[in-house]
Amino acid sequence: MSNTIAAIFGFAAGFFCIFCAYKDYDWFMNSSKARFWVKVLGRDGARKFYMGLGAFIIAVGAVLCFTGA
């Protein structure tokens, strides 16, 4: 049961991260945590980074959901 809840939160967080990076929301990309990546990678690079991070979070959620770990 606990893994299912963690997987749901993982899916939600991953989709949120991908969606906000795809839509290029200023409030998301100007946040204090994202500002570092924007400075290092540029705006488009940070968007790609956050899309990849979202995909990774979704993959972790899938592993939690389907393996029962």
PDB file of N, CA and C in Angstrom:
ATOM      1  N   MET A   1       0.817  -1.192   0.000  1.00  0.00           N
ATOM      2  CA  MET A   1       0.000   0.000   0.000  1.00  0.00           C
ATOM      3  C   MET A   1       0.858   1.251   0.000  1.00  0.00           C
ATOM      4  N   SER A   2       1.891   1.269   0.821  1.00  0.00           N
ATOM      5  CA  SER A   2       2.765   2.426   0.909  1.00  0.00           C
ATOM      6  C   SER A   2       3.489   2.678  -0.414  1.00  0.00           C
ATOM      7  N   ASN A   3       3.904   1.594  -1.084  1.00  0.00           N
ATOM      8  CA  ASN A   3       4.581   1.753  -2.370  1.00  0.00           C
ATOM      9  C   ASN A   3       3.640   2.300  -3.427  1.00  0.00           C
ATOM     10  N   THR A   4       2.381   1.956  -3.355  1.00  0.00           N
ATOM     11  CA  THR A   4       1.405   2.459  -4.314  1.00  0.00           C
ATOM     12  C   THR A   4       1.236   3.960  -4.160  1.00  0.00           C
ATOM     13  N   ILE A   5       1.174   4.429  -2.937  1.00  0.00           N
ATOM     14  CA  ILE A   5       1.052   5.863  -2.698  1.00  0.00           C
ATOM     15  C   ILE A   5       2.310   6.587  -3.166  1.00  0.00           C
ATOM     16  N   ALA A   6       3.469   6.038  -2.893  1.00  0.00           N
ATOM     17  CA  ALA A   6       4.721   6.634  -3.352  1.00  0.00           C
ATOM     18  C   ALA A   6       4.779   6.658  -4.875  1.00  0.00           C
ATOM     19  N   ALA A   7       4.286   5.612  -5.521  1.00  0.00           N
ATOM     20  CA  ALA A   7       4.271   5.568  -6.980  1.00  0.00           C
ATOM     21  C   ALA A   7       3.337   6.624  -7.551  1.00  0.00           C
ATOM     22  N   ILE A   8       2.182   6.816  -6.929  1.00  0.00           N
ATOM     23  CA  ILE A   8       1.246   7.843  -7.403  1.00  0.00           C
ATOM     24  C   ILE A   8       1.858   9.230  -7.273  1.00  0.00           C
ATOM     25  N   PHE A   9       2.505   9.500  -6.142  1.00  0.00           N
ATOM     26  CA  PHE A   9       3.183  10.781  -5.978  1.00  0.00           C
ATOM     27  C   PHE A   9       4.330  10.934  -6.977  1.00  0.00           C
ATOM     28  N   GLY A  10       5.026   9.849  -7.266  1.00  0.00           N
ATOM     29  CA  GLY A  10       6.100   9.893  -8.261  1.00  0.00           C
ATOM     30  C   GLY A  10       5.576  10.217  -9.647  1.00  0.00           C
ATOM     31  N   PHE A  11       4.486   9.564 -10.041  1.00  0.00           N
ATOM     32  CA  PHE A  11       3.881   9.859 -11.340  1.00  0.00           C
ATOM     33  C   PHE A  11       3.433  11.310 -11.410  1.00  0.00           C
ATOM     34  N   ALA A  12       2.771  11.777 -10.354  1.00  0.00           N
ATOM     35  CA  ALA A  12       2.259  13.142 -10.343  1.00  0.00           C
ATOM     36  C   ALA A  12       3.396  14.161 -10.404  1.00  0.00           C
ATOM     37  N   ALA A  13       4.438  13.945  -9.620  1.00  0.00           N
ATOM     38  CA  ALA A  13       5.569  14.876  -9.611  1.00  0.00           C
ATOM     39  C   ALA A  13       6.306  14.864 -10.949  1.00  0.00           C
ATOM     40  N   GLY A  14       6.464  13.688 -11.531  1.00  0.00           N
ATOM     41  CA  GLY A  14       7.146  13.594 -12.824  1.00  0.00           C
ATOM     42  C   GLY A  14       6.368  14.277 -13.934  1.00  0.00           C
ATOM     43  N   PHE A  15       5.063  14.033 -13.997  1.00  0.00           N
ATOM     44  CA  PHE A  15       4.252  14.687 -15.020  1.00  0.00           C
ATOM     45  C   PHE A  15       4.207  16.196 -14.816  1.00  0.00           C
ATOM     46  N   PHE A  16       4.149  16.628 -13.553  1.00  0.00           N
ATOM     47  CA  PHE A  16       4.166  18.058 -13.261  1.00  0.00           C
ATOM     48  C   PHE A  16       5.472  18.690 -13.742  1.00  0.00           C
ATOM     49  N   CYS A  17       6.572  18.041 -13.474  1.00  0.00           N
ATOM     50  CA  CYS A  17       7.889  18.548 -13.876  1.00  0.00           C
ATOM     51  C   CYS A  17       7.999  18.631 -15.395  1.00  0.00           C
ATOM     52  N   ILE A  18       7.575  17.589 -16.087  1.00  0.00           N
ATOM     53  CA  ILE A  18       7.632  17.584 -17.545  1.00  0.00           C
ATOM     54  C   ILE A  18       6.704  18.636 -18.125  1.00  0.00           C
ATOM     55  N   PHE A  19       5.485  18.735 -17.609  1.00  0.00           N
ATOM     56  CA  PHE A  19       4.512  19.682 -18.133  1.00  0.00           C
ATOM     57  C   PHE A  19       4.981  21.126 -17.967  1.00  0.00           C
ATOM     58  N   CYS A  20       5.484  21.461 -16.788  1.00  0.00           N
ATOM     59  CA  CYS A  20       5.938  22.832 -16.546  1.00  0.00           C
ATOM     60  C   CYS A  20       7.161  23.175 -17.386  1.00  0.00           C
ATOM     61  N   ALA A  21       8.062  22.230 -17.573  1.00  0.00           N
ATOM     62  CA  ALA A  21       9.231  22.485 -18.411  1.00  0.00           C
ATOM     63  C   ALA A  21       8.823  22.620 -19.871  1.00  0.00           C
ATOM     64  N   TYR A  22       7.884  21.799 -20.321  1.00  0.00           N
ATOM     65  CA  TYR A  22       7.423  21.862 -21.708  1.00  0.00           C
ATOM     66  C   TYR A  22       6.728  23.187 -22.004  1.00  0.00           C
ATOM     67  N   LYS A  23       5.878  23.629 -21.074  1.00  0.00           N
ATOM     68  CA  LYS A  23       5.138  24.874 -21.268  1.00  0.00           C
ATOM     69  C   LYS A  23       6.004  26.100 -20.994  1.00  0.00           C
ATOM     70  N   ASP A  24       7.191  25.914 -20.438  1.00  0.00           N
ATOM     71  CA  ASP A  24       8.153  26.984 -20.167  1.00  0.00           C
ATOM     72  C   ASP A  24       7.550  28.069 -19.275  1.00  0.00           C
ATOM     73  N   TYR A  25       6.931  27.644 -18.191  1.00  0.00           N
ATOM     74  CA  TYR A  25       6.341  28.598 -17.260  1.00  0.00           C
ATOM     75  C   TYR A  25       7.432  29.395 -16.560  1.00  0.00           C
ATOM     76  N   ASP A  26       7.277  30.719 -16.536  1.00  0.00           N
ATOM     77  CA  ASP A  26       8.261  31.575 -15.888  1.00  0.00           C
ATOM     78  C   ASP A  26       8.347  31.302 -14.388  1.00  0.00           C
ATOM     79  N   TRP A  27       7.215  31.076 -13.739  1.00  0.00           N
ATOM     80  CA  TRP A  27       7.242  30.867 -12.298  1.00  0.00           C
ATOM     81  C   TRP A  27       7.981  29.585 -11.944  1.00  0.00           C
ATOM     82  N   PHE A  28       7.996  28.615 -12.857  1.00  0.00           N
ATOM     83  CA  PHE A  28       8.703  27.365 -12.608  1.00  0.00           C
ATOM     84  C   PHE A  28      10.197  27.529 -12.892  1.00  0.00           C
ATOM     85  N   MET A  29      10.523  28.149 -14.008  1.00  0.00           N
ATOM     86  CA  MET A  29      11.925  28.267 -14.407  1.00  0.00           C
ATOM     87  C   MET A  29      12.664  29.367 -13.638  1.00  0.00           C
ATOM     88  N   ASN A  30      11.937  30.287 -13.003  1.00  0.00           N
ATOM     89  CA  ASN A  30      12.574  31.336 -12.211  1.00  0.00           C
ATOM     90  C   ASN A  30      12.607  31.010 -10.723  1.00  0.00           C
ATOM     91  N   SER A  31      12.201  29.811 -10.363  1.00  0.00           N
ATOM     92  CA  SER A  31      12.258  29.431  -8.946  1.00  0.00           C
ATOM     93  C   SER A  31      13.716  29.335  -8.505  1.00  0.00           C
ATOM     94  N   SER A  32      13.934  29.416  -7.213  1.00  0.00           N
ATOM     95  CA  SER A  32      15.306  29.448  -6.711  1.00  0.00           C
ATOM     96  C   SER A  32      16.087  28.178  -7.055  1.00  0.00           C
ATOM     97  N   LYS A  33      15.407  27.035  -7.096  1.00  0.00           N
ATOM     98  CA  LYS A  33      16.106  25.783  -7.407  1.00  0.00           C
ATOM     99  C   LYS A  33      16.390  25.648  -8.903  1.00  0.00           C
ATOM    100  N   ALA A  34      15.491  26.137  -9.734  1.00  0.00           N
ATOM    101  CA  ALA A  34      15.692  26.029 -11.177  1.00  0.00           C
ATOM    102  C   ALA A  34      16.643  27.097 -11.696  1.00  0.00           C
ATOM    103  N   ARG A  35      16.761  28.194 -10.980  1.00  0.00           N
ATOM    104  CA  ARG A  35      17.616  29.296 -11.429  1.00  0.00           C
ATOM    105  C   ARG A  35      19.065  28.856 -11.619  1.00  0.00           C
ATOM    106  N   PHE A  36      19.534  27.949 -10.768  1.00  0.00           N
ATOM    107  CA  PHE A  36      20.900  27.436 -10.903  1.00  0.00           C
ATOM    108  C   PHE A  36      21.076  26.731 -12.243  1.00  0.00           C
ATOM    109  N   TRP A  37      20.123  25.866 -12.590  1.00  0.00           N
ATOM    110  CA  TRP A  37      20.229  25.109 -13.840  1.00  0.00           C
ATOM    111  C   TRP A  37      20.061  26.018 -15.049  1.00  0.00           C
ATOM    112  N   VAL A  38      19.244  27.041 -14.936  1.00  0.00           N
ATOM    113  CA  VAL A  38      19.098  28.004 -16.034  1.00  0.00           C
ATOM    114  C   VAL A  38      20.414  28.737 -16.247  1.00  0.00           C
ATOM    115  N   LYS A  39      21.082  29.071 -15.146  1.00  0.00           N
ATOM    116  CA  LYS A  39      22.360  29.771 -15.242  1.00  0.00           C
ATOM    117  C   LYS A  39      23.431  28.872 -15.868  1.00  0.00           C
ATOM    118  N   VAL A  40      23.471  27.605 -15.482  1.00  0.00           N
ATOM    119  CA  VAL A  40      24.497  26.678 -15.953  1.00  0.00           C
ATOM    120  C   VAL A  40      24.218  26.187 -17.373  1.00  0.00           C
ATOM    121  N   LEU A  41      22.972  25.794 -17.655  1.00  0.00           N
ATOM    122  CA  LEU A  41      22.633  25.147 -18.924  1.00  0.00           C
ATOM    123  C   LEU A  41      21.926  26.054 -19.926  1.00  0.00           C
ATOM    124  N   GLY A  42      21.515  27.227 -19.500  1.00  0.00           N
ATOM    125  CA  GLY A  42      20.683  28.069 -20.346  1.00  0.00           C
ATOM    126  C   GLY A  42      19.222  27.645 -20.187  1.00  0.00           C
ATOM    127  N   ARG A  43      18.326  28.474 -20.673  1.00  0.00           N
ATOM    128  CA  ARG A  43      16.893  28.202 -20.467  1.00  0.00           C
ATOM    129  C   ARG A  43      16.460  26.907 -21.162  1.00  0.00           C
ATOM    130  N   ASP A  44      16.853  26.720 -22.417  1.00  0.00           N
ATOM    131  CA  ASP A  44      16.457  25.503 -23.135  1.00  0.00           C
ATOM    132  C   ASP A  44      17.117  24.258 -22.546  1.00  0.00           C
ATOM    133  N   GLY A  45      18.354  24.380 -22.144  1.00  0.00           N
ATOM    134  CA  GLY A  45      19.028  23.247 -21.512  1.00  0.00           C
ATOM    135  C   GLY A  45      18.387  22.873 -20.191  1.00  0.00           C
ATOM    136  N   ALA A  46      17.980  23.873 -19.412  1.00  0.00           N
ATOM    137  CA  ALA A  46      17.313  23.591 -18.144  1.00  0.00           C
ATOM    138  C   ALA A  46      15.950  22.952 -18.385  1.00  0.00           C
ATOM    139  N   ARG A  47      15.262  23.361 -19.422  1.00  0.00           N
ATOM    140  CA  ARG A  47      13.978  22.736 -19.752  1.00  0.00           C
ATOM    141  C   ARG A  47      14.188  21.263 -20.100  1.00  0.00           C
ATOM    142  N   LYS A  48      15.208  20.961 -20.878  1.00  0.00           N
ATOM    143  CA  LYS A  48      15.500  19.569 -21.226  1.00  0.00           C
ATOM    144  C   LYS A  48      15.905  18.775 -19.986  1.00  0.00           C
ATOM    145  N   PHE A  49      16.677  19.406 -19.116  1.00  0.00           N
ATOM    146  CA  PHE A  49      17.078  18.755 -17.880  1.00  0.00           C
ATOM    147  C   PHE A  49      15.852  18.394 -17.041  1.00  0.00           C
ATOM    148  N   TYR A  50      14.920  19.327 -16.904  1.00  0.00           N
ATOM    149  CA  TYR A  50      13.737  19.058 -16.090  1.00  0.00           C
ATOM    150  C   TYR A  50      12.802  18.058 -16.749  1.00  0.00           C
ATOM    151  N   MET A  51      12.774  18.008 -18.068  1.00  0.00           N
ATOM    152  CA  MET A  51      11.989  16.967 -18.734  1.00  0.00           C
ATOM    153  C   MET A  51      12.606  15.591 -18.461  1.00  0.00           C
ATOM    154  N   GLY A  52      13.919  15.511 -18.523  1.00  0.00           N
ATOM    155  CA  GLY A  52      14.601  14.255 -18.204  1.00  0.00           C
ATOM    156  C   GLY A  52      14.430  13.867 -16.744  1.00  0.00           C
ATOM    157  N   LEU A  53      14.488  14.848 -15.860  1.00  0.00           N
ATOM    158  CA  LEU A  53      14.275  14.578 -14.443  1.00  0.00           C
ATOM    159  C   LEU A  53      12.867  14.060 -14.200  1.00  0.00           C
ATOM    160  N   GLY A  54      11.884  14.658 -14.863  1.00  0.00           N
ATOM    161  CA  GLY A  54      10.509  14.190 -14.735  1.00  0.00           C
ATOM    162  C   GLY A  54      10.355  12.769 -15.234  1.00  0.00           C
ATOM    163  N   ALA A  55      11.004  12.447 -16.355  1.00  0.00           N
ATOM    164  CA  ALA A  55      10.947  11.084 -16.880  1.00  0.00           C
ATOM    165  C   ALA A  55      11.593  10.099 -15.905  1.00  0.00           C
ATOM    166  N   PHE A  56      12.683  10.505 -15.288  1.00  0.00           N
ATOM    167  CA  PHE A  56      13.345   9.655 -14.298  1.00  0.00           C
ATOM    168  C   PHE A  56      12.441   9.420 -13.085  1.00  0.00           C
ATOM    169  N   ILE A  57      11.776  10.470 -12.622  1.00  0.00           N
ATOM    170  CA  ILE A  57      10.880  10.338 -11.470  1.00  0.00           C
ATOM    171  C   ILE A  57       9.718   9.409 -11.802  1.00  0.00           C
ATOM    172  N   ILE A  58       9.188   9.518 -13.021  1.00  0.00           N
ATOM    173  CA  ILE A  58       8.117   8.616 -13.448  1.00  0.00           C
ATOM    174  C   ILE A  58       8.615   7.178 -13.497  1.00  0.00           C
ATOM    175  N   ALA A  59       9.842   6.981 -13.989  1.00  0.00           N
ATOM    176  CA  ALA A  59      10.405   5.629 -14.052  1.00  0.00           C
ATOM    177  C   ALA A  59      10.564   5.040 -12.649  1.00  0.00           C
ATOM    178  N   VAL A  60      11.005   5.847 -11.704  1.00  0.00           N
ATOM    179  CA  VAL A  60      11.129   5.369 -10.324  1.00  0.00           C
ATOM    180  C   VAL A  60       9.754   5.011  -9.768  1.00  0.00           C
ATOM    181  N   GLY A  61       8.759   5.844 -10.082  1.00  0.00           N
ATOM    182  CA  GLY A  61       7.399   5.530  -9.650  1.00  0.00           C
ATOM    183  C   GLY A  61       6.894   4.238 -10.259  1.00  0.00           C
ATOM    184  N   ALA A  62       7.227   3.995 -11.514  1.00  0.00           N
ATOM    185  CA  ALA A  62       6.811   2.748 -12.175  1.00  0.00           C
ATOM    186  C   ALA A  62       7.488   1.541 -11.532  1.00  0.00           C
ATOM    187  N   VAL A  63       8.754   1.675 -11.211  1.00  0.00           N
ATOM    188  CA  VAL A  63       9.469   0.580 -10.557  1.00  0.00           C
ATOM    189  C   VAL A  63       8.838   0.285  -9.200  1.00  0.00           C
ATOM    190  N   LEU A  64       8.521   1.327  -8.452  1.00  0.00           N
ATOM    191  CA  LEU A  64       7.884   1.126  -7.152  1.00  0.00           C
ATOM    192  C   LEU A  64       6.516   0.461  -7.300  1.00  0.00           C
ATOM    193  N   CYS A  65       5.793   0.864  -8.327  1.00  0.00           N
ATOM    194  CA  CYS A  65       4.431   0.357  -8.513  1.00  0.00           C
ATOM    195  C   CYS A  65       4.427  -1.093  -8.972  1.00  0.00           C
ATOM    196  N   PHE A  66       5.269  -1.429  -9.932  1.00  0.00           N
ATOM    197  CA  PHE A  66       5.178  -2.726 -10.567  1.00  0.00           C
ATOM    198  C   PHE A  66       6.058  -3.814  -9.962  1.00  0.00           C
ATOM    199  N   THR A  67       7.068  -3.435  -9.219  1.00  0.00           N
ATOM    200  CA  THR A  67       7.925  -4.454  -8.620  1.00  0.00           C
ATOM    201  C   THR A  67       7.535  -4.758  -7.190  1.00  0.00           C
ATOM    202  N   GLY A  68       6.827  -3.836  -6.576  1.00  0.00           N
ATOM    203  CA  GLY A  68       6.451  -4.065  -5.181  1.00  0.00           C
ATOM    204  C   GLY A  68       7.629  -3.991  -4.250  1.00  0.00           C
ATOM    205  N   ALA A  69       8.660  -3.259  -4.666  1.00  0.00           N
ATOM    206  CA  ALA A  69       9.872  -3.165  -3.849  1.00  0.00           C
ATOM    207  C   ALA A  69       9.644  -2.423  -2.564  1.00  0.00           C
TER     208      ALA A  69
END
